[in-house]
């Protein structure tokens, strides 16, 4: 049976590595982001490696747009086997000054958009015994040192969103397990090479993280893996 993966929040780094890994395993790949030029470049690179890939520009902070996106992917590439979510918002860095719109924005991407994608994909995921794979960040951990980092880095909104996403993953893993749908996350605790955050000192190889997602999908056992 043909298999399709949606890669939500496509860009250089983790999402590109996931797209390549799953594409090499025979998945058709739907790349999703707001930046159409970035998507076109990604599609061209994947196709050059013999991977079937298509671009689907969309704002993943808009639940209605996300639902429409899933329908378009299904029509173009077939039923959704895997939903992979790397999208995030770095807004509301200082919670003492952030506007209500900024605060909502980080949750619109991390929670509302992700949930809309899961709900719209769920009939396919259940039928195919598929998976939801989420990229998350270590700033979401409950730890005094982590909290201090979130404040020092002006990443308080992202920290909150990561915590909410971590709980969402674990709740849905429990809820969907009886349906045969696997839900898991990779918690990234360092800087990934080749991304906008890499100032030359990054230590994490995106291909390694892409491999972790493939391993999670194959084993369907651990809900959270930390790298």
N, C-alpha and C. Protein backbone atom coordinates (compact mmCIF):
# COMPACT_ATOMS: atom_id res chain seq x y z
N UNK A 1 0.84 -1.19 0.00
CA UNK A 1 0.00 0.00 0.00
C UNK A 1 0.87 1.25 0.00
N UNK A 2 0.60 2.24 -0.87
CA UNK A 2 1.38 3.48 -0.87
C UNK A 2 1.31 4.18 0.48
N UNK A 3 2.41 4.82 0.85
CA UNK A 3 2.48 5.52 2.13
C UNK A 3 2.86 6.98 1.90
N UNK A 4 2.22 7.86 2.69
CA UNK A 4 2.45 9.29 2.57
C UNK A 4 2.80 9.88 3.93
N UNK A 5 3.79 10.75 3.96
CA UNK A 5 4.13 11.49 5.18
C UNK A 5 3.96 12.97 4.93
N UNK A 6 3.28 13.64 5.86
CA UNK A 6 3.21 15.10 5.87
C UNK A 6 4.32 15.62 6.78
N UNK A 7 5.16 16.49 6.25
CA UNK A 7 6.23 17.11 7.05
C UNK A 7 5.83 18.55 7.28
N UNK A 8 5.31 18.84 8.46
CA UNK A 8 4.79 20.16 8.79
C UNK A 8 5.84 21.07 9.38
N UNK A 9 6.04 22.23 8.75
CA UNK A 9 7.06 23.16 9.21
C UNK A 9 8.39 22.88 8.54
N UNK A 10 8.36 22.64 7.22
CA UNK A 10 9.57 22.23 6.50
C UNK A 10 10.61 23.33 6.45
N UNK A 11 11.87 22.93 6.62
CA UNK A 11 13.00 23.83 6.50
C UNK A 11 14.28 23.01 6.57
N UNK A 12 15.43 23.68 6.51
CA UNK A 12 16.69 22.95 6.63
C UNK A 12 16.83 22.38 8.03
N UNK A 13 17.46 21.26 8.13
CA UNK A 13 17.65 20.66 9.45
C UNK A 13 16.80 19.43 9.64
N UNK A 14 16.10 19.38 10.76
CA UNK A 14 15.39 18.17 11.16
C UNK A 14 14.33 17.76 10.16
N UNK A 15 13.48 18.70 9.76
CA UNK A 15 12.38 18.34 8.87
C UNK A 15 12.88 17.84 7.52
N UNK A 16 13.95 18.45 7.02
CA UNK A 16 14.53 17.98 5.76
C UNK A 16 15.09 16.57 5.92
N UNK A 17 15.74 16.32 7.05
CA UNK A 17 16.30 14.98 7.31
C UNK A 17 15.19 13.94 7.41
N UNK A 18 14.08 14.30 8.05
CA UNK A 18 12.94 13.38 8.14
C UNK A 18 12.37 13.10 6.75
N UNK A 19 12.22 14.16 5.96
CA UNK A 19 11.69 13.99 4.61
C UNK A 19 12.57 13.05 3.79
N UNK A 20 13.88 13.23 3.89
CA UNK A 20 14.80 12.38 3.14
C UNK A 20 14.73 10.93 3.62
N UNK A 21 14.72 10.74 4.94
CA UNK A 21 14.75 9.37 5.47
C UNK A 21 13.49 8.61 5.10
N UNK A 22 12.34 9.22 5.33
CA UNK A 22 11.10 8.53 5.03
C UNK A 22 10.91 8.39 3.52
N UNK A 23 11.37 9.39 2.76
CA UNK A 23 11.30 9.29 1.31
C UNK A 23 12.12 8.13 0.78
N UNK A 24 13.30 7.93 1.34
CA UNK A 24 14.16 6.82 0.92
C UNK A 24 13.54 5.47 1.28
N UNK A 25 12.64 5.48 2.27
CA UNK A 25 11.97 4.25 2.68
C UNK A 25 10.70 4.01 1.87
N UNK A 26 10.47 4.83 0.86
CA UNK A 26 9.35 4.60 -0.04
C UNK A 26 8.12 5.46 0.18
N UNK A 27 8.20 6.41 1.11
CA UNK A 27 7.07 7.30 1.37
C UNK A 27 7.01 8.40 0.32
N UNK A 28 5.80 8.77 -0.09
CA UNK A 28 5.59 10.03 -0.77
C UNK A 28 5.62 11.13 0.28
N UNK A 29 6.22 12.27 -0.05
CA UNK A 29 6.47 13.30 0.95
C UNK A 29 5.74 14.60 0.60
N UNK A 30 4.92 15.08 1.55
CA UNK A 30 4.25 16.36 1.42
C UNK A 30 4.98 17.38 2.30
N UNK A 31 5.62 18.34 1.67
CA UNK A 31 6.34 19.38 2.41
C UNK A 31 5.41 20.57 2.65
N UNK A 32 5.34 21.01 3.90
CA UNK A 32 4.41 22.08 4.26
C UNK A 32 5.13 23.18 5.02
N UNK A 33 4.93 24.42 4.60
CA UNK A 33 5.44 25.61 5.28
C UNK A 33 4.80 26.81 4.61
N UNK A 34 5.04 27.99 5.14
CA UNK A 34 4.51 29.20 4.52
C UNK A 34 5.35 29.67 3.34
N UNK A 35 6.65 29.38 3.38
CA UNK A 35 7.59 29.89 2.38
C UNK A 35 7.58 29.01 1.13
N UNK A 36 6.93 29.49 0.07
CA UNK A 36 6.79 28.69 -1.15
C UNK A 36 8.13 28.44 -1.82
N UNK A 37 9.04 29.41 -1.78
CA UNK A 37 10.35 29.23 -2.40
C UNK A 37 11.15 28.14 -1.70
N UNK A 38 11.08 28.13 -0.38
CA UNK A 38 11.78 27.10 0.38
C UNK A 38 11.21 25.72 0.05
N UNK A 39 9.90 25.65 -0.06
CA UNK A 39 9.27 24.37 -0.40
C UNK A 39 9.70 23.90 -1.79
N UNK A 40 9.73 24.82 -2.75
CA UNK A 40 10.11 24.46 -4.11
C UNK A 40 11.54 23.92 -4.16
N UNK A 41 12.43 24.55 -3.40
CA UNK A 41 13.81 24.08 -3.34
C UNK A 41 13.89 22.69 -2.71
N UNK A 42 13.13 22.48 -1.64
CA UNK A 42 13.12 21.18 -0.98
C UNK A 42 12.58 20.08 -1.87
N UNK A 43 11.50 20.38 -2.58
CA UNK A 43 10.90 19.39 -3.49
C UNK A 43 11.89 19.01 -4.59
N UNK A 44 12.54 20.01 -5.16
CA UNK A 44 13.50 19.75 -6.23
C UNK A 44 14.64 18.85 -5.74
N UNK A 45 15.14 19.12 -4.53
CA UNK A 45 16.25 18.33 -3.99
C UNK A 45 15.81 16.89 -3.72
N UNK A 46 14.61 16.71 -3.19
CA UNK A 46 14.12 15.36 -2.92
C UNK A 46 13.86 14.59 -4.21
N UNK A 47 13.27 15.26 -5.18
CA UNK A 47 13.00 14.60 -6.46
C UNK A 47 14.29 14.18 -7.14
N UNK A 48 15.35 14.96 -6.96
CA UNK A 48 16.65 14.60 -7.55
C UNK A 48 17.21 13.31 -6.94
N UNK A 49 16.72 12.97 -5.76
CA UNK A 49 17.14 11.73 -5.10
C UNK A 49 16.16 10.59 -5.33
N UNK A 50 15.23 10.81 -6.26
CA UNK A 50 14.27 9.76 -6.61
C UNK A 50 13.10 9.65 -5.67
N UNK A 51 12.85 10.69 -4.87
CA UNK A 51 11.77 10.68 -3.89
C UNK A 51 10.58 11.45 -4.45
N UNK A 52 9.40 10.88 -4.35
CA UNK A 52 8.21 11.61 -4.76
C UNK A 52 7.87 12.65 -3.71
N UNK A 53 7.88 13.91 -4.09
CA UNK A 53 7.64 15.00 -3.15
C UNK A 53 6.80 16.08 -3.81
N UNK A 54 5.95 16.69 -2.99
CA UNK A 54 5.09 17.77 -3.46
C UNK A 54 5.08 18.88 -2.42
N UNK A 55 4.93 20.12 -2.87
CA UNK A 55 4.87 21.29 -1.98
C UNK A 55 3.43 21.68 -1.70
N UNK A 56 3.16 22.02 -0.44
CA UNK A 56 1.82 22.45 -0.03
C UNK A 56 1.96 23.67 0.88
N UNK A 57 2.02 24.88 0.30
CA UNK A 57 2.14 26.09 1.13
C UNK A 57 0.92 26.24 2.04
N UNK A 58 1.16 26.51 3.31
CA UNK A 58 0.06 26.69 4.26
C UNK A 58 0.59 27.33 5.53
N UNK A 59 -0.29 28.05 6.22
CA UNK A 59 0.01 28.63 7.52
C UNK A 59 -0.46 27.65 8.58
N UNK A 60 0.48 27.01 9.25
CA UNK A 60 0.13 25.95 10.20
C UNK A 60 -0.39 26.49 11.52
N UNK A 61 -0.47 27.80 11.65
CA UNK A 61 -1.09 28.41 12.83
C UNK A 61 -2.59 28.61 12.63
N UNK A 62 -3.10 28.26 11.45
CA UNK A 62 -4.51 28.45 11.12
C UNK A 62 -5.18 27.07 11.01
N UNK A 63 -5.93 26.64 12.02
CA UNK A 63 -6.52 25.29 12.00
C UNK A 63 -7.35 24.99 10.75
N UNK A 64 -8.13 25.96 10.28
CA UNK A 64 -8.93 25.72 9.07
C UNK A 64 -8.03 25.47 7.86
N UNK A 65 -6.95 26.23 7.77
CA UNK A 65 -6.01 26.03 6.67
C UNK A 65 -5.33 24.67 6.78
N UNK A 66 -5.07 24.24 8.00
CA UNK A 66 -4.44 22.94 8.21
C UNK A 66 -5.37 21.81 7.76
N UNK A 67 -6.64 21.93 8.09
CA UNK A 67 -7.60 20.89 7.67
C UNK A 67 -7.70 20.83 6.14
N UNK A 68 -7.72 21.99 5.51
CA UNK A 68 -7.75 22.03 4.05
C UNK A 68 -6.48 21.41 3.46
N UNK A 69 -5.36 21.70 4.11
CA UNK A 69 -4.09 21.15 3.67
C UNK A 69 -4.12 19.62 3.66
N UNK A 70 -4.59 19.03 4.75
CA UNK A 70 -4.63 17.56 4.84
C UNK A 70 -5.49 16.98 3.72
N UNK A 71 -6.61 17.62 3.44
CA UNK A 71 -7.48 17.17 2.35
C UNK A 71 -6.75 17.22 1.00
N UNK A 72 -6.00 18.29 0.79
CA UNK A 72 -5.25 18.43 -0.47
C UNK A 72 -4.17 17.36 -0.60
N UNK A 73 -3.48 17.08 0.50
CA UNK A 73 -2.44 16.04 0.46
C UNK A 73 -3.06 14.69 0.15
N UNK A 74 -4.17 14.39 0.79
CA UNK A 74 -4.85 13.11 0.56
C UNK A 74 -5.26 12.97 -0.91
N UNK A 75 -5.78 14.04 -1.46
CA UNK A 75 -6.23 14.01 -2.86
C UNK A 75 -5.06 13.84 -3.83
N UNK A 76 -3.91 14.44 -3.49
CA UNK A 76 -2.77 14.44 -4.40
C UNK A 76 -1.87 13.22 -4.22
N UNK A 77 -1.63 12.82 -2.98
CA UNK A 77 -0.66 11.77 -2.70
C UNK A 77 -1.24 10.49 -2.09
N UNK A 78 -2.48 10.56 -1.64
CA UNK A 78 -3.09 9.38 -1.04
C UNK A 78 -3.23 9.51 0.47
N UNK A 79 -3.78 8.49 1.13
CA UNK A 79 -4.04 8.53 2.57
C UNK A 79 -2.77 8.84 3.38
N UNK A 80 -2.97 9.51 4.50
CA UNK A 80 -1.86 9.92 5.36
C UNK A 80 -1.44 8.76 6.26
N UNK A 81 -0.18 8.37 6.14
CA UNK A 81 0.36 7.30 6.97
C UNK A 81 1.09 7.86 8.19
N UNK A 82 1.83 8.95 7.98
CA UNK A 82 2.59 9.59 9.06
C UNK A 82 2.39 11.10 9.00
N UNK A 83 2.14 11.69 10.15
CA UNK A 83 2.11 13.14 10.30
C UNK A 83 3.32 13.53 11.14
N UNK A 84 4.23 14.31 10.57
CA UNK A 84 5.42 14.75 11.30
C UNK A 84 5.37 16.26 11.47
N UNK A 85 5.56 16.74 12.70
CA UNK A 85 5.34 18.15 13.02
C UNK A 85 6.59 18.76 13.63
N UNK A 86 7.24 19.65 12.87
CA UNK A 86 8.40 20.37 13.37
C UNK A 86 8.09 21.86 13.52
N UNK A 87 6.94 22.29 13.07
CA UNK A 87 6.57 23.70 13.11
C UNK A 87 6.55 24.26 14.53
N UNK A 88 6.98 25.49 14.67
CA UNK A 88 6.95 26.16 15.98
C UNK A 88 6.92 27.67 15.75
N UNK A 89 6.63 28.40 16.83
CA UNK A 89 6.69 29.86 16.81
C UNK A 89 7.60 30.33 17.93
N UNK A 90 8.45 31.29 17.61
CA UNK A 90 9.36 31.82 18.63
C UNK A 90 8.86 33.10 19.27
N UNK A 91 7.58 33.41 19.10
CA UNK A 91 7.03 34.64 19.65
C UNK A 91 6.88 34.62 21.16
N UNK A 92 6.42 35.74 21.71
CA UNK A 92 6.19 35.88 23.15
C UNK A 92 7.43 35.54 23.96
N UNK A 93 8.58 36.05 23.51
CA UNK A 93 9.83 35.73 24.19
C UNK A 93 9.87 36.22 25.63
N UNK A 94 9.32 37.39 25.89
CA UNK A 94 9.25 37.95 27.24
C UNK A 94 7.78 38.00 27.65
N UNK A 95 7.38 37.12 28.53
CA UNK A 95 5.97 37.02 28.91
C UNK A 95 5.47 38.25 29.67
N UNK A 96 6.38 39.04 30.21
CA UNK A 96 5.94 40.25 30.91
C UNK A 96 5.58 41.37 29.94
N UNK A 97 5.94 41.21 28.67
CA UNK A 97 5.67 42.25 27.68
C UNK A 97 4.85 41.74 26.49
N UNK A 98 4.73 40.44 26.34
CA UNK A 98 4.09 39.86 25.15
C UNK A 98 2.61 40.22 25.07
N UNK A 99 2.17 40.48 23.86
CA UNK A 99 0.75 40.75 23.65
C UNK A 99 -0.05 39.45 23.67
N UNK A 100 -1.35 39.60 23.83
CA UNK A 100 -2.21 38.42 23.81
C UNK A 100 -2.08 37.69 22.49
N UNK A 101 -1.96 38.42 21.39
CA UNK A 101 -1.83 37.81 20.07
C UNK A 101 -0.56 36.98 19.97
N UNK A 102 0.54 37.49 20.53
CA UNK A 102 1.80 36.75 20.50
C UNK A 102 1.68 35.45 21.28
N UNK A 103 1.06 35.53 22.46
CA UNK A 103 0.92 34.34 23.30
C UNK A 103 0.06 33.30 22.61
N UNK A 104 -1.05 33.76 22.03
CA UNK A 104 -1.90 32.82 21.30
C UNK A 104 -1.16 32.21 20.12
N UNK A 105 -0.31 33.02 19.50
CA UNK A 105 0.40 32.57 18.31
C UNK A 105 1.26 31.34 18.55
N UNK A 106 1.98 31.31 19.68
CA UNK A 106 2.85 30.17 19.92
C UNK A 106 2.03 28.89 20.14
N UNK A 107 0.87 29.03 20.74
CA UNK A 107 0.01 27.86 20.96
C UNK A 107 -0.77 27.48 19.71
N UNK A 108 -1.03 28.47 18.85
CA UNK A 108 -1.72 28.16 17.59
C UNK A 108 -0.90 27.18 16.76
N UNK A 109 0.41 27.35 16.75
CA UNK A 109 1.28 26.45 15.98
C UNK A 109 1.51 25.15 16.73
N UNK A 110 1.88 25.25 18.01
CA UNK A 110 2.30 24.07 18.76
C UNK A 110 1.15 23.15 19.13
N UNK A 111 -0.03 23.71 19.36
CA UNK A 111 -1.15 22.90 19.85
C UNK A 111 -2.33 22.90 18.87
N UNK A 112 -2.89 24.08 18.59
CA UNK A 112 -4.10 24.13 17.77
C UNK A 112 -3.87 23.61 16.36
N UNK A 113 -2.78 24.05 15.72
CA UNK A 113 -2.49 23.58 14.37
C UNK A 113 -2.19 22.10 14.33
N UNK A 114 -1.38 21.65 15.28
CA UNK A 114 -1.05 20.22 15.35
C UNK A 114 -2.29 19.38 15.58
N UNK A 115 -3.14 19.80 16.49
CA UNK A 115 -4.37 19.04 16.76
C UNK A 115 -5.28 18.99 15.54
N UNK A 116 -5.38 20.10 14.83
CA UNK A 116 -6.22 20.12 13.62
C UNK A 116 -5.70 19.12 12.60
N UNK A 117 -4.37 19.07 12.45
CA UNK A 117 -3.78 18.12 11.50
C UNK A 117 -4.03 16.68 11.93
N UNK A 118 -3.91 16.42 13.22
CA UNK A 118 -4.16 15.06 13.72
C UNK A 118 -5.61 14.66 13.52
N UNK A 119 -6.52 15.54 13.91
CA UNK A 119 -7.94 15.23 13.79
C UNK A 119 -8.34 14.97 12.35
N UNK A 120 -7.83 15.79 11.43
CA UNK A 120 -8.19 15.63 10.02
C UNK A 120 -7.55 14.39 9.41
N UNK A 121 -6.39 14.00 9.92
CA UNK A 121 -5.68 12.82 9.40
C UNK A 121 -6.11 11.53 10.07
N UNK A 122 -6.85 11.63 11.17
CA UNK A 122 -7.10 10.47 12.01
C UNK A 122 -7.77 9.29 11.31
N UNK A 123 -8.77 9.49 10.44
CA UNK A 123 -9.33 8.31 9.76
C UNK A 123 -8.28 7.52 8.99
N UNK A 124 -7.37 8.23 8.30
CA UNK A 124 -6.29 7.56 7.58
C UNK A 124 -5.33 6.88 8.54
N UNK A 125 -4.95 7.59 9.60
CA UNK A 125 -3.99 7.05 10.56
C UNK A 125 -4.52 5.78 11.22
N UNK A 126 -5.79 5.78 11.54
CA UNK A 126 -6.39 4.58 12.13
C UNK A 126 -6.41 3.42 11.15
N UNK A 127 -6.80 3.71 9.93
CA UNK A 127 -6.91 2.65 8.92
C UNK A 127 -5.54 2.04 8.61
N UNK A 128 -4.51 2.89 8.57
CA UNK A 128 -3.19 2.42 8.19
C UNK A 128 -2.30 2.08 9.38
N UNK A 129 -2.84 2.19 10.59
CA UNK A 129 -2.02 1.98 11.79
C UNK A 129 -0.79 2.88 11.70
N UNK A 130 -1.06 4.15 11.46
CA UNK A 130 -0.01 5.11 11.20
C UNK A 130 0.59 5.72 12.45
N UNK A 131 1.18 6.91 12.28
CA UNK A 131 1.92 7.51 13.39
C UNK A 131 1.89 9.03 13.32
N UNK A 132 1.98 9.64 14.50
CA UNK A 132 2.19 11.07 14.66
C UNK A 132 3.56 11.24 15.30
N UNK A 133 4.45 11.95 14.63
CA UNK A 133 5.83 12.13 15.10
C UNK A 133 6.10 13.62 15.28
N UNK A 134 6.48 14.00 16.48
CA UNK A 134 6.58 15.42 16.83
C UNK A 134 8.01 15.79 17.22
N UNK A 135 8.51 16.87 16.62
CA UNK A 135 9.77 17.46 17.06
C UNK A 135 9.48 18.42 18.21
N UNK A 136 10.19 18.23 19.31
CA UNK A 136 9.98 19.10 20.47
C UNK A 136 11.33 19.57 20.98
N UNK A 137 11.31 20.48 21.94
CA UNK A 137 12.55 21.06 22.44
C UNK A 137 12.68 20.92 23.95
N UNK A 138 13.92 20.79 24.39
CA UNK A 138 14.20 20.61 25.81
C UNK A 138 13.79 21.77 26.69
N UNK A 139 13.52 22.95 26.10
CA UNK A 139 13.04 24.08 26.90
C UNK A 139 11.69 23.79 27.54
N UNK A 140 11.01 22.75 27.08
CA UNK A 140 9.72 22.40 27.65
C UNK A 140 9.81 21.59 28.93
N UNK A 141 11.01 21.15 29.30
CA UNK A 141 11.15 20.37 30.53
C UNK A 141 10.95 21.25 31.76
N UNK A 142 10.42 20.65 32.82
CA UNK A 142 10.24 21.34 34.09
C UNK A 142 11.51 21.16 34.93
N UNK A 143 12.34 22.18 34.92
CA UNK A 143 13.63 22.11 35.61
C UNK A 143 14.11 23.54 35.84
N UNK A 144 14.61 23.86 37.03
CA UNK A 144 15.02 25.24 37.31
C UNK A 144 16.06 25.78 36.33
N UNK A 145 17.03 24.97 35.95
CA UNK A 145 18.06 25.43 35.03
C UNK A 145 17.48 25.68 33.64
N UNK A 146 16.57 24.81 33.23
CA UNK A 146 15.91 24.98 31.93
C UNK A 146 15.07 26.25 31.94
N UNK A 147 14.36 26.49 33.04
CA UNK A 147 13.56 27.71 33.15
C UNK A 147 14.43 28.95 33.06
N UNK A 148 15.58 28.92 33.70
CA UNK A 148 16.51 30.05 33.66
C UNK A 148 17.00 30.29 32.23
N UNK A 149 17.23 29.20 31.49
CA UNK A 149 17.66 29.33 30.10
C UNK A 149 16.56 29.96 29.25
N UNK A 150 15.32 29.53 29.47
CA UNK A 150 14.20 30.08 28.71
C UNK A 150 14.06 31.58 28.91
N UNK A 151 14.32 32.04 30.13
CA UNK A 151 14.26 33.48 30.42
C UNK A 151 15.46 34.19 29.80
N UNK A 152 16.66 33.64 30.01
CA UNK A 152 17.88 34.28 29.51
C UNK A 152 17.90 34.38 27.99
N UNK A 153 17.34 33.39 27.32
CA UNK A 153 17.34 33.35 25.85
C UNK A 153 16.13 34.06 25.24
N UNK A 154 15.32 34.69 26.10
CA UNK A 154 14.11 35.36 25.61
C UNK A 154 13.24 34.40 24.81
N UNK A 155 13.06 33.20 25.38
CA UNK A 155 12.30 32.14 24.71
C UNK A 155 11.22 31.59 25.63
N UNK A 156 10.58 32.48 26.35
CA UNK A 156 9.59 32.04 27.34
C UNK A 156 8.34 31.47 26.67
N UNK A 157 7.90 32.11 25.59
CA UNK A 157 6.73 31.60 24.87
C UNK A 157 6.99 30.22 24.29
N UNK A 158 8.15 30.05 23.66
CA UNK A 158 8.51 28.76 23.11
C UNK A 158 8.60 27.70 24.20
N UNK A 159 9.14 28.07 25.35
CA UNK A 159 9.24 27.13 26.47
C UNK A 159 7.87 26.63 26.89
N UNK A 160 6.91 27.56 27.02
CA UNK A 160 5.55 27.17 27.38
C UNK A 160 4.92 26.26 26.33
N UNK A 161 5.10 26.63 25.07
CA UNK A 161 4.52 25.84 23.99
C UNK A 161 5.12 24.44 23.96
N UNK A 162 6.43 24.33 24.19
CA UNK A 162 7.06 23.01 24.20
C UNK A 162 6.51 22.14 25.32
N UNK A 163 6.28 22.75 26.49
CA UNK A 163 5.70 22.00 27.60
C UNK A 163 4.30 21.50 27.26
N UNK A 164 3.50 22.36 26.65
CA UNK A 164 2.15 21.97 26.26
C UNK A 164 2.18 20.86 25.21
N UNK A 165 3.11 20.97 24.27
CA UNK A 165 3.23 19.97 23.21
C UNK A 165 3.67 18.62 23.79
N UNK A 166 4.57 18.67 24.77
CA UNK A 166 5.04 17.45 25.43
C UNK A 166 3.86 16.71 26.09
N UNK A 167 3.01 17.45 26.77
CA UNK A 167 1.84 16.84 27.41
C UNK A 167 0.86 16.33 26.36
N UNK A 168 0.67 17.11 25.30
CA UNK A 168 -0.23 16.70 24.23
C UNK A 168 0.20 15.37 23.62
N UNK A 169 1.49 15.23 23.36
CA UNK A 169 2.00 13.98 22.81
C UNK A 169 1.69 12.80 23.72
N UNK A 170 1.92 12.98 25.00
CA UNK A 170 1.73 11.86 25.93
C UNK A 170 0.25 11.51 26.10
N UNK A 171 -0.60 12.53 26.10
CA UNK A 171 -2.03 12.27 26.20
C UNK A 171 -2.54 11.52 24.96
N UNK A 172 -2.12 11.97 23.79
CA UNK A 172 -2.59 11.34 22.56
C UNK A 172 -1.98 9.95 22.38
N UNK A 173 -0.76 9.75 22.87
CA UNK A 173 -0.16 8.42 22.81
C UNK A 173 -1.04 7.43 23.56
N UNK A 174 -1.54 7.84 24.71
CA UNK A 174 -2.42 6.99 25.52
C UNK A 174 -3.78 6.81 24.85
N UNK A 175 -4.32 7.90 24.34
CA UNK A 175 -5.65 7.88 23.74
C UNK A 175 -5.71 7.04 22.47
N UNK A 176 -4.69 7.14 21.63
CA UNK A 176 -4.74 6.52 20.31
C UNK A 176 -4.09 5.13 20.25
N UNK A 177 -3.41 4.74 21.32
CA UNK A 177 -2.78 3.42 21.32
C UNK A 177 -3.76 2.29 21.03
N UNK A 178 -4.96 2.28 21.63
CA UNK A 178 -5.92 1.20 21.33
C UNK A 178 -6.35 1.16 19.87
N UNK A 179 -6.20 2.29 19.16
CA UNK A 179 -6.57 2.34 17.74
C UNK A 179 -5.43 1.91 16.83
N UNK A 180 -4.28 1.59 17.43
CA UNK A 180 -3.13 1.19 16.62
C UNK A 180 -2.36 2.35 16.04
N UNK A 181 -2.63 3.57 16.53
CA UNK A 181 -1.91 4.76 16.05
C UNK A 181 -0.81 5.10 17.05
N UNK A 182 0.43 5.15 16.57
CA UNK A 182 1.56 5.46 17.44
C UNK A 182 1.78 6.98 17.48
N UNK A 183 2.05 7.51 18.66
CA UNK A 183 2.37 8.93 18.84
C UNK A 183 3.67 9.04 19.63
N UNK A 184 4.64 9.76 19.09
CA UNK A 184 5.91 9.90 19.79
C UNK A 184 6.60 11.20 19.44
N UNK A 185 7.62 11.55 20.23
CA UNK A 185 8.34 12.80 20.04
C UNK A 185 9.83 12.61 20.26
N UNK A 186 10.60 13.45 19.60
CA UNK A 186 12.03 13.58 19.87
C UNK A 186 12.24 14.93 20.52
N UNK A 187 12.75 14.92 21.75
CA UNK A 187 13.04 16.15 22.48
C UNK A 187 14.48 16.54 22.20
N UNK A 188 14.66 17.66 21.54
CA UNK A 188 15.98 18.12 21.13
C UNK A 188 16.55 19.06 22.19
N UNK A 189 17.73 18.73 22.71
CA UNK A 189 18.30 19.51 23.82
C UNK A 189 19.59 20.23 23.42
N UNK A 190 19.83 20.34 22.13
CA UNK A 190 21.02 21.04 21.65
C UNK A 190 20.72 21.76 20.35
N UNK A 191 21.74 22.38 19.77
CA UNK A 191 21.59 23.10 18.51
C UNK A 191 21.85 22.16 17.34
N UNK A 192 21.00 22.26 16.33
CA UNK A 192 21.09 21.38 15.18
C UNK A 192 21.89 22.04 14.06
N UNK A 193 22.81 21.30 13.49
CA UNK A 193 23.68 21.81 12.43
C UNK A 193 22.85 22.22 11.20
N UNK A 194 23.25 23.35 10.61
CA UNK A 194 22.64 23.78 9.37
C UNK A 194 21.34 24.55 9.52
N UNK A 195 20.92 24.82 10.74
CA UNK A 195 19.69 25.56 10.97
C UNK A 195 20.00 27.02 11.27
N UNK A 196 18.94 27.81 11.40
CA UNK A 196 19.11 29.24 11.68
C UNK A 196 19.75 29.48 13.05
N UNK A 197 19.67 28.49 13.93
CA UNK A 197 20.23 28.63 15.28
C UNK A 197 21.71 28.26 15.33
N UNK A 198 22.24 27.73 14.23
CA UNK A 198 23.62 27.26 14.21
C UNK A 198 24.57 28.42 13.93
N UNK A 199 25.31 28.82 14.97
CA UNK A 199 26.28 29.90 14.81
C UNK A 199 27.69 29.35 14.61
N UNK A 200 27.76 28.06 14.29
CA UNK A 200 29.06 27.42 14.08
C UNK A 200 29.44 26.46 15.17
N UNK A 201 28.64 26.41 16.23
CA UNK A 201 28.96 25.53 17.36
C UNK A 201 27.94 24.42 17.56
N UNK A 202 27.07 24.22 16.58
CA UNK A 202 26.03 23.19 16.72
C UNK A 202 26.67 21.80 16.81
N UNK A 203 26.04 20.93 17.58
CA UNK A 203 26.59 19.59 17.82
C UNK A 203 25.70 18.46 17.30
N UNK A 204 24.44 18.76 16.98
CA UNK A 204 23.51 17.70 16.61
C UNK A 204 23.36 17.60 15.09
N UNK A 205 23.52 16.39 14.58
CA UNK A 205 23.40 16.12 13.16
C UNK A 205 21.93 15.88 12.83
N UNK A 206 21.33 16.65 11.91
CA UNK A 206 19.92 16.44 11.60
C UNK A 206 19.63 15.05 11.07
N UNK A 207 20.58 14.45 10.33
CA UNK A 207 20.36 13.10 9.82
C UNK A 207 20.20 12.09 10.96
N UNK A 208 20.94 12.32 12.05
CA UNK A 208 20.81 11.45 13.22
C UNK A 208 19.40 11.56 13.81
N UNK A 209 18.89 12.78 13.86
CA UNK A 209 17.55 12.98 14.42
C UNK A 209 16.50 12.39 13.48
N UNK A 210 16.69 12.56 12.17
CA UNK A 210 15.80 11.92 11.22
C UNK A 210 15.77 10.42 11.41
N UNK A 211 16.95 9.84 11.70
CA UNK A 211 17.02 8.41 11.98
C UNK A 211 16.29 8.03 13.25
N UNK A 212 16.34 8.91 14.26
CA UNK A 212 15.61 8.64 15.51
C UNK A 212 14.11 8.57 15.25
N UNK A 213 13.61 9.45 14.39
CA UNK A 213 12.19 9.41 14.06
C UNK A 213 11.83 8.11 13.32
N UNK A 214 12.69 7.69 12.42
CA UNK A 214 12.43 6.43 11.72
C UNK A 214 12.43 5.26 12.71
N UNK A 215 13.37 5.27 13.65
CA UNK A 215 13.43 4.22 14.66
C UNK A 215 12.17 4.20 15.53
N UNK A 216 11.69 5.40 15.91
CA UNK A 216 10.46 5.48 16.70
C UNK A 216 9.29 4.89 15.92
N UNK A 217 9.21 5.26 14.66
CA UNK A 217 8.12 4.77 13.80
C UNK A 217 8.16 3.25 13.67
N UNK A 218 9.35 2.72 13.53
CA UNK A 218 9.50 1.28 13.36
C UNK A 218 9.20 0.51 14.65
N UNK A 219 9.77 0.99 15.77
CA UNK A 219 9.62 0.27 17.04
C UNK A 219 8.26 0.51 17.70
N UNK A 220 7.74 1.73 17.56
CA UNK A 220 6.43 2.07 18.11
C UNK A 220 6.32 1.74 19.59
N UNK A 221 7.36 2.08 20.33
CA UNK A 221 7.42 1.71 21.75
C UNK A 221 7.53 2.93 22.65
N UNK A 222 8.67 3.63 22.59
CA UNK A 222 8.89 4.78 23.45
C UNK A 222 8.09 5.99 22.97
N UNK A 223 7.53 6.71 23.92
CA UNK A 223 6.78 7.92 23.56
C UNK A 223 7.71 9.12 23.40
N UNK A 224 8.75 9.19 24.23
CA UNK A 224 9.68 10.31 24.19
C UNK A 224 11.13 9.82 24.13
N UNK A 225 11.87 10.38 23.20
CA UNK A 225 13.32 10.13 23.11
C UNK A 225 14.02 11.49 23.20
N UNK A 226 15.08 11.57 23.99
CA UNK A 226 15.82 12.82 24.17
C UNK A 226 17.16 12.73 23.45
N UNK A 227 17.47 13.76 22.65
CA UNK A 227 18.78 13.81 21.98
C UNK A 227 19.46 15.13 22.32
